[in-house]
């Protein structure tokens, strides 16, 4: 039986993209935002503002990947294990300007080599 000959065709979307990482270690950080927001879009705006304000110094020029909830990843470590930031979102679409506390804590790390071992498979 050939693949793709049985069933109905459908559109499949995914939420990943190919990246090349120079550093061989991927770092995972836990993120807490106070007051808590239920909106991933708002959370992403908060982290975006944090990165704009602190990327060059406090974040050690690292560009994080954030899931919109509690997880943030970097290729290479931040220059801290735990740090608290204050982030202000400006007034927008009738919403008042608001300050948020963002706490970022190192949760762990893994070698890219280890990930390749786990996720490699034969294409034969």
Protein backbone atom coordinates (compact mmCIF):
# COMPACT_ATOMS: atom_id res chain seq x y z
CA UNK A 1 0.00 0.00 0.00
CA UNK A 2 1.34 3.44 -0.90
CA UNK A 3 1.12 6.35 1.49
CA UNK A 4 -1.50 8.94 0.63
CA UNK A 5 -3.80 6.72 -1.42
CA UNK A 6 -6.46 5.91 1.18
CA UNK A 7 -8.77 8.38 2.92
CA UNK A 8 -9.51 12.02 2.28
CA UNK A 9 -6.93 14.67 1.58
CA UNK A 10 -6.69 17.45 4.13
CA UNK A 11 -4.68 20.57 4.87
CA UNK A 12 -2.19 20.17 7.72
CA UNK A 13 -0.71 23.16 9.51
CA UNK A 14 2.20 23.03 11.90
CA UNK A 15 3.64 25.42 14.39
CA UNK A 16 7.36 24.93 14.00
CA UNK A 17 10.10 26.30 11.84
CA UNK A 18 13.66 25.35 10.99
CA UNK A 19 16.40 27.16 12.86
CA UNK A 20 20.13 26.77 13.00
CA UNK A 21 21.63 27.10 16.46
CA UNK A 22 25.28 28.03 16.85
CA UNK A 23 25.41 27.24 20.56
CA UNK A 24 25.12 23.52 21.29
CA UNK A 25 22.90 23.96 24.35
CA UNK A 26 19.22 24.92 24.50
CA UNK A 27 18.10 26.60 27.75
CA UNK A 28 14.56 26.43 29.16
CA UNK A 29 13.23 29.16 31.46
CA UNK A 30 10.00 29.34 33.47
CA UNK A 31 8.11 32.62 33.05
CA UNK A 32 5.67 34.13 35.55
CA UNK A 33 3.72 37.28 34.74
CA UNK A 34 2.00 39.22 37.54
CA UNK A 35 -0.82 40.11 37.34
CA UNK A 36 -1.53 36.96 35.37
CA UNK A 37 -2.99 37.39 31.91
CA UNK A 38 -5.18 34.76 30.25
CA UNK A 39 -4.34 36.05 26.79
CA UNK A 40 -1.35 34.57 24.95
CA UNK A 41 -1.35 37.65 22.73
CA UNK A 42 -1.00 39.94 25.76
CA UNK A 43 1.70 37.71 27.23
CA UNK A 44 3.62 37.85 23.95
CA UNK A 45 3.33 41.66 23.90
CA UNK A 46 4.71 41.77 27.44
CA UNK A 47 7.69 39.56 26.56
CA UNK A 48 8.24 41.50 23.33
CA UNK A 49 8.44 44.76 25.30
CA UNK A 50 10.80 43.11 27.81
CA UNK A 51 13.10 41.96 24.98
CA UNK A 52 13.05 45.42 23.35
CA UNK A 53 14.03 47.07 26.61
CA UNK A 54 16.57 44.53 27.93
CA UNK A 55 17.97 42.43 25.07
CA UNK A 56 21.35 44.12 24.82
CA UNK A 57 22.21 44.18 28.52
CA UNK A 58 20.14 42.12 30.98
CA UNK A 59 19.32 39.37 28.44
CA UNK A 60 22.89 39.06 27.23
CA UNK A 61 21.92 39.73 23.59
CA UNK A 62 19.87 36.50 23.53
CA UNK A 63 16.70 36.37 21.44
CA UNK A 64 14.25 34.08 23.25
CA UNK A 65 11.49 31.91 21.82
CA UNK A 66 8.33 32.18 23.98
CA UNK A 67 5.22 29.98 23.93
CA UNK A 68 2.85 32.68 25.21
CA UNK A 69 2.36 30.97 28.56
CA UNK A 70 5.06 29.72 30.95
CA UNK A 71 7.97 28.57 28.75
CA UNK A 72 10.81 30.52 27.20
CA UNK A 73 13.80 29.05 25.35
CA UNK A 74 17.18 30.42 24.33
CA UNK A 75 20.19 29.13 22.44
CA UNK A 76 22.78 29.94 25.07
CA UNK A 77 22.15 31.10 28.58
CA UNK A 78 20.98 34.42 29.94
CA UNK A 79 23.52 36.08 32.29
CA UNK A 80 21.33 35.17 35.29
CA UNK A 81 19.56 32.15 36.79
CA UNK A 82 16.59 34.15 38.05
CA UNK A 83 15.60 37.75 37.48
CA UNK A 84 12.55 39.97 37.90
CA UNK A 85 11.64 42.72 35.44
CA UNK A 86 8.95 45.41 35.36
CA UNK A 87 7.34 45.81 31.95
CA UNK A 88 4.90 48.55 30.99
CA UNK A 89 2.37 48.03 28.23
CA UNK A 90 1.25 51.36 26.79
CA UNK A 91 -2.38 52.38 26.43
CA UNK A 92 -3.92 50.62 23.43
CA UNK A 93 -7.42 50.10 21.97
CA UNK A 94 -9.18 51.55 25.00
CA UNK A 95 -7.04 49.55 27.43
CA UNK A 96 -5.26 51.61 30.08
CA UNK A 97 -1.47 51.49 30.37
CA UNK A 98 -0.47 48.75 32.78
CA UNK A 99 2.67 47.52 34.55
CA UNK A 100 3.55 43.82 34.83
CA UNK A 101 6.15 41.98 36.86
CA UNK A 102 7.91 39.31 34.81
CA UNK A 103 9.93 36.68 36.65
CA UNK A 104 12.26 34.51 34.55
CA UNK A 105 13.89 31.47 36.19
CA UNK A 106 16.23 28.90 34.66
CA UNK A 107 14.41 25.55 34.55
CA UNK A 108 16.99 23.43 32.75
CA UNK A 109 18.96 22.83 29.59
CA UNK A 110 19.64 20.15 27.05
CA UNK A 111 22.26 19.51 24.45
CA UNK A 112 21.21 19.88 20.83
CA UNK A 113 23.15 16.67 20.21
CA UNK A 114 20.87 14.84 22.70
CA UNK A 115 17.77 16.18 20.94
CA UNK A 116 19.09 14.98 17.58
CA UNK A 117 19.62 11.51 19.06
CA UNK A 118 16.08 11.36 20.44
CA UNK A 119 14.37 12.70 17.33
CA UNK A 120 16.44 11.11 14.59
CA UNK A 121 14.87 8.36 12.54
CA UNK A 122 15.65 6.39 9.42
CA UNK A 123 14.19 7.54 6.13
CA UNK A 124 14.71 4.13 4.49
